[in-house]
């Protein structure tokens, strides 16, 4: 009988079960003696038995549950309430789809996973530089780098496992420049025979809160047409081209989106574009056929998180409204409903460092954005420790507040989420 296995040696259940049963017995005897007429000694005995039985029951059941949890979730180091919170509360959170790539996307995911596990990261697969580019060319597969970053960002495993996936081999080795996580996903792709299945398997290894899916399974190449008429092929080369970008496109142009991506957009409460490189991380996902139509027809709140710094070869001199114009020019005016922009000044010490790279703060030209027909949330959304980055917690909090308030139609709200607005 299966029940008898609980009594096997080493199960670490019998002792706590015994304490709990003893507690039930004491509580039962105490309850039986309580109504019996007698002296003060009998009354005290019954009360002691009741209290002892109650404590034994709670203590035994509690430790038995703890022992079982340690067996079925050996990697979980938090408390029982934290485990229940993750499994029950977060799984009822809003359905958020985040589209992009690079550092910006993984940064935002760090914040969002504290509010919900219903996260789908749709990631660009146009990367052709570094370790990802080498693996892509050598093994004829999709680039794993941005996928890996998102998996690690959503991971709910021990920090050592996350550090392992991000470990980069030294330059004096045969694997120089390669990242362990990239190699792991490559090996899983060869084992499973499919990149999407490899990502799902890697998701289980890292116990991620949410899902990570490629925008397409087609091996695409990103191309840019510049204002001087020249064309640059390859995502890693576009950011180095001297001329400004007129438009970007994918080769082949007929690539199809993954079904998981379309389903996630269709069911989403919010579709978030960015943060990330406008031309090489965000827009490439939207150039996949049917992707824009899926977003525009979705009932989700469409949010664009504008970058906080320009990029010297891609968005030099851009304000927040210029980012939106470029986004809309490549897609559809209905791709966005609301834009989140930063209004916090960047410290002078960091400004100097970024000026050397030709990068400057993106101007929060709120009124120009509104004149385009879009709403704006303007606030302090940056972290300035060592680098200028979006503050994951602040941005995630704004998105969740917007979703709570989005029960009222956007046109009726007038302002977004009650956050500070400039230009009013």
Protein backbone atom coordinates (compact mmCIF):
# COMPACT_ATOMS: atom_id res chain seq x y z
CA UNK A 1 0.00 0.00 0.00
CA UNK A 2 1.24 3.48 -0.91
CA UNK A 3 0.25 4.84 2.52
CA UNK A 4 2.73 2.55 4.27
CA UNK A 5 5.62 4.28 2.50
CA UNK A 6 5.11 7.23 4.85
CA UNK A 7 6.29 4.91 7.64
CA UNK A 8 9.56 3.95 5.91
CA UNK A 9 12.78 4.93 7.74
CA UNK A 10 14.25 8.29 6.69
CA UNK A 11 10.98 9.80 5.44
CA UNK A 12 11.16 12.44 8.24
CA UNK A 13 7.41 12.39 8.60
CA UNK A 14 6.69 9.80 11.33
CA UNK A 15 8.00 11.88 14.24
CA UNK A 16 5.95 14.94 13.30
CA UNK A 17 2.90 12.81 12.50
CA UNK A 18 3.28 11.17 15.92
CA UNK A 19 3.43 14.56 17.68
CA UNK A 20 0.36 15.74 15.77
CA UNK A 21 -1.60 12.56 16.67
CA UNK A 22 -0.53 12.87 20.29
CA UNK A 23 -1.77 16.45 20.20
CA UNK A 24 -5.13 15.32 18.87
CA UNK A 25 -5.36 12.67 21.63
CA UNK A 26 -4.53 15.18 24.39
CA UNK A 27 -6.96 17.70 22.99
CA UNK A 28 -9.69 15.04 22.81
CA UNK A 29 -9.13 13.91 26.42
CA UNK A 30 -9.06 17.51 27.62
CA UNK A 31 -12.29 18.27 25.79
CA UNK A 32 -13.94 15.21 27.34
CA UNK A 33 -12.87 16.15 30.89
CA UNK A 34 -13.82 19.83 30.61
CA UNK A 35 -17.60 19.43 31.13
CA UNK A 36 -17.17 16.83 33.90
CA UNK A 37 -18.03 18.13 37.38
CA UNK A 38 -15.08 18.02 39.74
CA UNK A 39 -12.58 20.02 41.71
CA UNK A 40 -10.10 22.64 40.63
CA UNK A 41 -7.47 19.99 39.95
CA UNK A 42 -9.66 18.33 37.30
CA UNK A 43 -10.34 21.70 35.69
CA UNK A 44 -6.64 22.52 35.53
CA UNK A 45 -5.83 19.08 34.15
CA UNK A 46 -8.37 19.43 31.36
CA UNK A 47 -7.09 22.92 30.44
CA UNK A 48 -3.48 21.72 30.42
CA UNK A 49 -4.45 18.81 28.17
CA UNK A 50 -6.33 21.14 25.83
CA UNK A 51 -3.41 23.57 25.51
CA UNK A 52 -0.84 20.77 25.22
CA UNK A 53 -2.92 19.02 22.57
CA UNK A 54 -3.41 22.24 20.58
CA UNK A 55 0.31 23.07 20.68
CA UNK A 56 1.27 19.52 19.74
CA UNK A 57 -1.16 19.53 16.82
CA UNK A 58 0.07 22.88 15.45
CA UNK A 59 3.74 22.01 16.03
CA UNK A 60 3.48 18.55 14.48
CA UNK A 61 1.48 19.58 11.42
CA UNK A 62 3.70 22.63 10.84
CA UNK A 63 6.94 20.67 10.93
CA UNK A 64 5.47 17.86 8.86
CA UNK A 65 4.47 20.35 6.14
CA UNK A 66 7.92 21.94 6.32
CA UNK A 67 9.58 18.53 5.94
CA UNK A 68 7.42 17.73 2.91
CA UNK A 69 8.19 21.10 1.31
CA UNK A 70 11.91 20.56 1.76
CA UNK A 71 11.54 17.26 -0.08
CA UNK A 72 9.48 18.52 -3.03
CA UNK A 73 11.13 21.97 -3.34
CA UNK A 74 14.73 21.42 -2.27
CA UNK A 75 15.96 24.54 -4.04
CA UNK A 76 13.58 26.89 -2.28
CA UNK A 77 15.29 28.73 0.56
CA UNK A 78 12.48 31.12 1.50
CA UNK A 79 9.68 30.80 3.98
CA UNK A 80 6.44 28.89 3.50
CA UNK A 81 4.46 32.12 3.17
CA UNK A 82 6.84 33.31 0.43
CA UNK A 83 6.39 30.05 -1.47
CA UNK A 84 2.60 30.25 -1.22
CA UNK A 85 2.74 33.93 -2.23
CA UNK A 86 4.66 33.07 -5.38
CA UNK A 87 2.49 30.11 -6.33
CA UNK A 88 -0.93 31.54 -5.49
CA UNK A 89 -0.85 35.34 -5.45
CA UNK A 90 1.58 36.06 -8.27
CA UNK A 91 -0.05 33.57 -10.61
CA UNK A 92 -3.24 35.67 -10.41
CA UNK A 93 -1.35 38.81 -11.44
CA UNK A 94 -1.97 40.72 -14.69
CA UNK A 95 -0.90 39.26 -18.00
CA UNK A 96 1.96 41.38 -19.27
CA UNK A 97 3.73 40.97 -22.60
CA UNK A 98 7.09 42.73 -22.92
CA UNK A 99 8.63 43.09 -26.37
CA UNK A 100 12.26 43.98 -27.02
CA UNK A 101 15.76 42.71 -26.42
CA UNK A 102 19.09 43.60 -24.90
CA UNK A 103 19.79 44.91 -21.41
CA UNK A 104 16.68 47.10 -21.23
CA UNK A 105 14.24 44.21 -21.54
CA UNK A 106 15.96 42.02 -18.94
CA UNK A 107 16.13 45.00 -16.55
CA UNK A 108 12.37 45.52 -16.70
CA UNK A 109 11.68 41.81 -16.19
CA UNK A 110 13.53 41.95 -12.85
CA UNK A 111 10.89 44.39 -11.61
CA UNK A 112 7.78 42.87 -13.16
CA UNK A 113 8.32 39.39 -11.72
CA UNK A 114 7.69 40.79 -8.23
CA UNK A 115 4.07 41.52 -9.22
CA UNK A 116 3.06 38.66 -11.49
CA UNK A 117 4.18 35.37 -12.98
CA UNK A 118 1.98 35.92 -16.04
CA UNK A 119 4.83 37.52 -17.98
CA UNK A 120 5.73 36.75 -21.58
CA UNK A 121 8.95 38.22 -22.93
CA UNK A 122 8.94 38.31 -26.75
CA UNK A 123 12.57 38.63 -27.77
CA UNK A 124 14.30 39.69 -30.96
CA UNK A 125 16.37 37.09 -32.79
CA UNK A 126 18.24 39.44 -35.14
CA UNK A 127 21.44 39.53 -33.07
CA UNK A 128 24.51 38.56 -35.08
CA UNK A 129 27.38 39.81 -32.94
CA UNK A 130 29.57 38.37 -30.18
CA UNK A 131 29.00 34.89 -28.82
CA UNK A 132 25.43 34.75 -30.18
CA UNK A 133 26.59 35.62 -33.68
CA UNK A 134 29.31 32.97 -33.66
CA UNK A 135 26.92 30.25 -32.45
CA UNK A 136 24.31 31.38 -34.94
CA UNK A 137 26.72 31.02 -37.83
CA UNK A 138 28.45 27.84 -36.70
CA UNK A 139 25.36 25.86 -35.67
CA UNK A 140 22.79 27.44 -38.02
CA UNK A 141 20.48 28.38 -35.15
CA UNK A 142 18.76 31.41 -33.70
CA UNK A 143 20.98 33.64 -31.52
CA UNK A 144 20.58 32.72 -27.83
CA UNK A 145 22.05 35.80 -26.11
CA UNK A 146 18.99 38.00 -25.54
CA UNK A 147 16.91 34.93 -24.75
CA UNK A 148 19.45 33.92 -22.10
CA UNK A 149 19.39 37.36 -20.46
CA UNK A 150 15.61 37.22 -20.16
CA UNK A 151 15.68 33.70 -18.72
CA UNK A 152 18.16 34.77 -16.05
CA UNK A 153 16.13 37.91 -15.27
CA UNK A 154 13.00 35.83 -14.65
CA UNK A 155 14.83 33.03 -12.83
CA UNK A 156 13.67 31.92 -9.39
CA UNK A 157 16.69 29.73 -8.67
CA UNK A 158 19.71 30.14 -6.44
CA UNK A 159 22.06 33.04 -7.36
CA UNK A 160 24.81 30.53 -8.16
CA UNK A 161 22.73 29.07 -11.00
CA UNK A 162 22.12 32.57 -12.38
CA UNK A 163 25.82 33.37 -12.19
CA UNK A 164 26.56 30.10 -13.98
CA UNK A 165 24.31 30.99 -16.91
CA UNK A 166 25.95 34.41 -17.20
CA UNK A 167 29.52 33.14 -16.89
CA UNK A 168 31.73 34.18 -19.80
CA UNK A 169 34.83 32.17 -20.63
CA UNK A 170 38.19 33.94 -20.52
CA UNK A 171 39.95 35.15 -23.63
CA UNK A 172 42.83 32.69 -23.23
CA UNK A 173 40.59 29.63 -23.64
CA UNK A 174 39.24 27.78 -26.67
CA UNK A 175 35.77 29.03 -25.68
CA UNK A 176 36.88 32.66 -25.43
CA UNK A 177 34.03 35.14 -25.47
CA UNK A 178 31.35 32.46 -25.19
CA UNK A 179 28.80 32.54 -22.43
CA UNK A 180 27.86 29.35 -20.58
CA UNK A 181 24.16 30.08 -20.93
CA UNK A 182 24.52 30.50 -24.69
CA UNK A 183 26.34 27.17 -24.92
CA UNK A 184 23.69 25.51 -22.76
CA UNK A 185 20.84 26.73 -24.98
CA UNK A 186 22.81 25.66 -28.05
CA UNK A 187 23.26 22.16 -26.64
CA UNK A 188 19.56 21.98 -25.71
CA UNK A 189 18.65 23.04 -29.25
CA UNK A 190 20.67 20.16 -30.66
CA UNK A 191 19.19 17.70 -28.15
CA UNK A 192 15.56 18.75 -28.64
CA UNK A 193 15.92 19.57 -32.33
CA UNK A 194 14.02 22.83 -31.93
CA UNK A 195 15.00 26.26 -30.55
CA UNK A 196 11.63 26.92 -28.91
CA UNK A 197 11.69 23.58 -27.10
CA UNK A 198 15.24 24.32 -25.99
CA UNK A 199 14.11 27.62 -24.48
CA UNK A 200 11.23 25.90 -22.67
CA UNK A 201 13.62 23.28 -21.26
CA UNK A 202 16.03 26.00 -20.13
CA UNK A 203 13.11 27.81 -18.50
CA UNK A 204 12.44 24.74 -16.36
CA UNK A 205 16.09 24.50 -15.33
CA UNK A 206 16.03 28.11 -14.11
CA UNK A 207 12.46 27.85 -12.72
CA UNK A 208 11.54 31.18 -14.29
CA UNK A 209 8.50 33.25 -13.35
CA UNK A 210 6.86 33.64 -16.74
CA UNK A 211 7.77 32.68 -20.29
CA UNK A 212 10.39 33.70 -22.82
CA UNK A 213 9.63 33.21 -26.51
CA UNK A 214 11.37 34.29 -29.72
CA UNK A 215 9.45 36.67 -31.94
CA UNK A 216 10.02 34.35 -34.91
CA UNK A 217 11.67 31.02 -35.63
CA UNK A 218 13.00 32.30 -38.95
CA UNK A 219 16.73 33.04 -39.14
CA UNK A 220 16.35 36.71 -39.97
CA UNK A 221 18.94 39.37 -40.72
CA UNK A 222 18.41 43.01 -39.83
CA UNK A 223 19.14 45.65 -42.47
CA UNK A 224 19.20 49.45 -42.29
CA UNK A 225 18.73 51.97 -45.06
CA UNK A 226 20.47 55.24 -44.19
CA UNK A 227 19.65 58.82 -45.10
CA UNK A 228 22.57 58.92 -47.54
CA UNK A 229 21.16 55.95 -49.47
CA UNK A 230 23.62 53.36 -48.18
CA UNK A 231 22.48 50.04 -46.71
CA UNK A 232 23.98 48.22 -43.71
CA UNK A 233 23.37 44.50 -43.26
CA UNK A 234 23.61 42.91 -39.82
CA UNK A 235 22.44 44.10 -36.42
CA UNK A 236 25.95 44.39 -35.00
CA UNK A 237 27.04 46.66 -37.88
CA UNK A 238 24.05 49.02 -37.86
CA UNK A 239 25.05 50.72 -34.60
CA UNK A 240 28.52 51.40 -36.08
CA UNK A 241 27.35 52.92 -39.37
CA UNK A 242 28.17 56.67 -39.62
CA UNK A 243 24.99 57.77 -41.40
CA UNK A 244 21.62 58.23 -39.67
CA UNK A 245 18.96 55.56 -40.15
CA UNK A 246 16.03 56.20 -42.49
CA UNK A 247 14.38 52.82 -41.98
CA UNK A 248 15.17 49.26 -41.01
CA UNK A 249 13.81 45.99 -42.37
CA UNK A 250 14.22 42.24 -42.05
CA UNK A 251 15.51 39.73 -44.54
CA UNK A 252 13.54 37.71 -45.41
CA UNK A 253 10.56 40.06 -45.16
CA UNK A 254 8.01 37.23 -45.01
CA UNK A 255 9.07 35.78 -41.63
CA UNK A 256 6.19 34.56 -39.46
CA UNK A 257 5.71 35.06 -35.71
CA UNK A 258 5.69 32.21 -33.23
CA UNK A 259 2.24 31.03 -32.16
CA UNK A 260 3.17 31.50 -28.50
CA UNK A 261 3.91 35.16 -29.17
CA UNK A 262 0.59 35.77 -30.92
CA UNK A 263 -1.38 33.94 -28.22
CA UNK A 264 0.32 35.92 -25.45
CA UNK A 265 -0.47 39.25 -27.17
CA UNK A 266 -4.07 38.22 -27.75
CA UNK A 267 -4.62 37.39 -24.05
CA UNK A 268 -2.54 40.21 -22.56
CA UNK A 269 -3.69 42.94 -20.21
CA UNK A 270 -0.70 45.06 -21.25
CA UNK A 271 1.75 45.01 -24.15
CA UNK A 272 4.95 46.85 -23.26
CA UNK A 273 7.46 47.94 -25.89
CA UNK A 274 10.95 48.47 -24.51
CA UNK A 275 13.01 49.70 -22.95
CA UNK A 276 15.87 48.99 -25.33
CA UNK A 277 17.59 50.08 -28.51
CA UNK A 278 14.86 51.49 -30.73
CA UNK A 279 16.14 50.27 -34.09
CA UNK A 280 17.95 47.08 -33.12
CA UNK A 281 15.96 45.69 -30.16
CA UNK A 282 12.35 46.90 -30.31
CA UNK A 283 11.36 47.57 -33.92
CA UNK A 284 12.83 44.29 -35.31
CA UNK A 285 10.19 42.33 -33.38
CA UNK A 286 7.46 44.48 -34.90
CA UNK A 287 8.67 43.88 -38.46
CA UNK A 288 7.69 40.22 -38.20
CA UNK A 289 4.50 39.65 -40.21
CA UNK A 290 1.19 39.79 -38.27
CA UNK A 291 2.94 41.04 -35.12
CA UNK A 292 1.75 44.66 -35.47
CA UNK A 293 -1.80 43.59 -36.37
CA UNK A 294 -1.91 41.35 -33.30
CA UNK A 295 -0.87 44.22 -31.02
CA UNK A 296 -3.18 46.81 -32.59
CA UNK A 297 -6.24 44.55 -32.41
CA UNK A 298 -5.44 43.37 -28.88
CA UNK A 299 -7.53 44.80 -26.05
CA UNK A 300 -4.38 45.23 -24.00
CA UNK A 301 -3.04 48.57 -22.85
CA UNK A 302 -0.16 49.44 -25.23
CA UNK A 303 2.77 51.08 -23.47
CA UNK A 304 6.06 52.36 -24.85
CA UNK A 305 8.92 52.87 -22.37
CA UNK A 306 11.21 55.46 -23.87
CA UNK A 307 14.97 55.20 -23.49
CA UNK A 308 16.63 57.55 -21.02
CA UNK A 309 19.77 58.12 -23.13
CA UNK A 310 20.25 58.54 -26.86
CA UNK A 311 22.52 56.24 -28.88
CA UNK A 312 25.21 57.96 -30.90
CA UNK A 313 24.75 56.10 -34.20
CA UNK A 314 21.04 55.30 -33.94
CA UNK A 315 19.07 58.00 -32.15
CA UNK A 316 21.43 60.98 -31.92
CA UNK A 317 19.49 64.14 -31.10
CA UNK A 318 16.21 62.26 -30.57
CA UNK A 319 13.65 63.43 -28.05
CA UNK A 320 10.97 61.12 -26.67
CA UNK A 321 8.53 62.18 -29.40
CA UNK A 322 11.11 61.32 -32.09
CA UNK A 323 11.32 57.80 -30.70
CA UNK A 324 7.55 57.45 -31.03
CA UNK A 325 7.55 58.89 -34.57
CA UNK A 326 10.16 56.34 -35.65
CA UNK A 327 8.22 53.54 -33.96
CA UNK A 328 4.95 54.53 -35.65
CA UNK A 329 6.61 55.09 -39.04
CA UNK A 330 7.74 51.46 -39.05
CA UNK A 331 4.46 50.03 -37.76
CA UNK A 332 1.03 51.57 -37.14
CA UNK A 333 -0.27 54.58 -35.17
CA UNK A 334 -2.25 52.17 -32.98
CA UNK A 335 0.89 50.37 -31.80
CA UNK A 336 1.06 52.66 -28.74
CA UNK A 337 -1.47 54.31 -26.46
CA UNK A 338 0.78 55.63 -23.73
CA UNK A 339 4.43 56.56 -23.33
CA UNK A 340 6.50 56.46 -20.13
CA UNK A 341 9.34 59.00 -20.10
CA UNK A 342 11.96 60.04 -17.57
CA UNK A 343 12.14 63.57 -16.12
CA UNK A 344 14.91 63.05 -13.55
CA UNK A 345 18.18 64.86 -14.40
CA UNK A 346 21.25 62.68 -14.90
CA UNK A 347 24.16 63.43 -12.50
CA UNK A 348 26.98 65.47 -14.06
CA UNK A 349 29.60 62.79 -13.36
CA UNK A 350 27.66 60.26 -15.42
CA UNK A 351 26.85 62.81 -18.12
CA UNK A 352 30.54 63.30 -18.80
CA UNK A 353 31.06 59.58 -19.24
CA UNK A 354 28.15 59.28 -21.66
CA UNK A 355 29.20 62.37 -23.64
CA UNK A 356 32.43 60.57 -24.48
CA UNK A 357 30.28 57.90 -26.13
CA UNK A 358 28.12 60.47 -27.92
CA UNK A 359 25.07 59.72 -25.75
CA UNK A 360 22.84 62.35 -24.12
CA UNK A 361 19.62 62.35 -22.04
CA UNK A 362 16.45 61.91 -24.07
CA UNK A 363 14.33 65.04 -23.79
CA UNK A 364 10.91 64.51 -22.22
CA UNK A 365 8.97 66.61 -24.76
CA UNK A 366 5.62 65.70 -23.28
CA UNK A 367 3.50 68.21 -25.20
CA UNK A 368 4.86 67.00 -28.54
CA UNK A 369 3.93 63.44 -27.60
CA UNK A 370 0.43 64.56 -26.67
CA UNK A 371 0.12 66.43 -29.95
CA UNK A 372 0.71 63.09 -31.67
CA UNK A 373 -2.33 61.73 -29.84
CA UNK A 374 -0.66 59.70 -27.11
CA UNK A 375 -0.84 59.91 -23.35
CA UNK A 376 2.24 60.36 -21.21
CA UNK A 377 3.49 59.29 -17.81
CA UNK A 378 6.46 61.50 -16.95
CA UNK A 379 8.34 60.67 -13.77
CA UNK A 380 11.67 59.80 -12.17
CA UNK A 381 12.21 56.28 -13.51
CA UNK A 382 16.01 55.97 -13.55
CA UNK A 383 18.75 54.41 -11.46
CA UNK A 384 22.11 56.21 -11.55
CA UNK A 385 24.41 53.74 -9.81
CA UNK A 386 27.47 53.45 -12.08
CA UNK A 387 25.28 53.61 -15.19
CA UNK A 388 22.09 55.37 -16.23
CA UNK A 389 19.47 52.65 -16.37
CA UNK A 390 15.73 52.35 -15.94
CA UNK A 391 14.86 51.57 -12.35
CA UNK A 392 13.14 48.19 -12.68
CA UNK A 393 11.05 48.58 -9.54
CA UNK A 394 9.83 52.09 -10.40
CA UNK A 395 8.87 51.23 -13.97
CA UNK A 396 7.19 47.96 -12.98
CA UNK A 397 5.21 49.78 -10.29
CA UNK A 398 3.98 52.35 -12.82
CA UNK A 399 2.89 49.61 -15.25
CA UNK A 400 0.95 47.76 -12.55
CA UNK A 401 -0.72 51.00 -11.41
CA UNK A 402 -1.68 51.76 -15.00
CA UNK A 403 -3.28 48.34 -15.30
CA UNK A 404 -5.27 48.83 -12.11
CA UNK A 405 -6.47 52.19 -13.42
CA UNK A 406 -7.09 50.97 -16.96
CA UNK A 407 -10.51 49.68 -15.96
CA UNK A 408 -11.52 53.25 -16.81
CA UNK A 409 -11.21 53.95 -20.56
CA UNK A 410 -7.98 55.80 -21.36
CA UNK A 411 -9.78 58.72 -22.98
CA UNK A 412 -11.81 59.23 -19.81
CA UNK A 413 -8.80 59.21 -17.50
CA UNK A 414 -7.23 62.36 -18.87
CA UNK A 415 -3.96 61.53 -17.11
CA UNK A 416 -2.23 58.21 -16.72
CA UNK A 417 -2.17 56.49 -13.39
CA UNK A 418 -2.03 59.69 -11.35
CA UNK A 419 1.70 60.13 -11.96
CA UNK A 420 3.37 63.50 -12.34
CA UNK A 421 2.96 65.09 -15.76
CA UNK A 422 5.19 67.79 -17.20
CA UNK A 423 3.89 70.59 -19.34
CA UNK A 424 0.68 71.08 -17.36
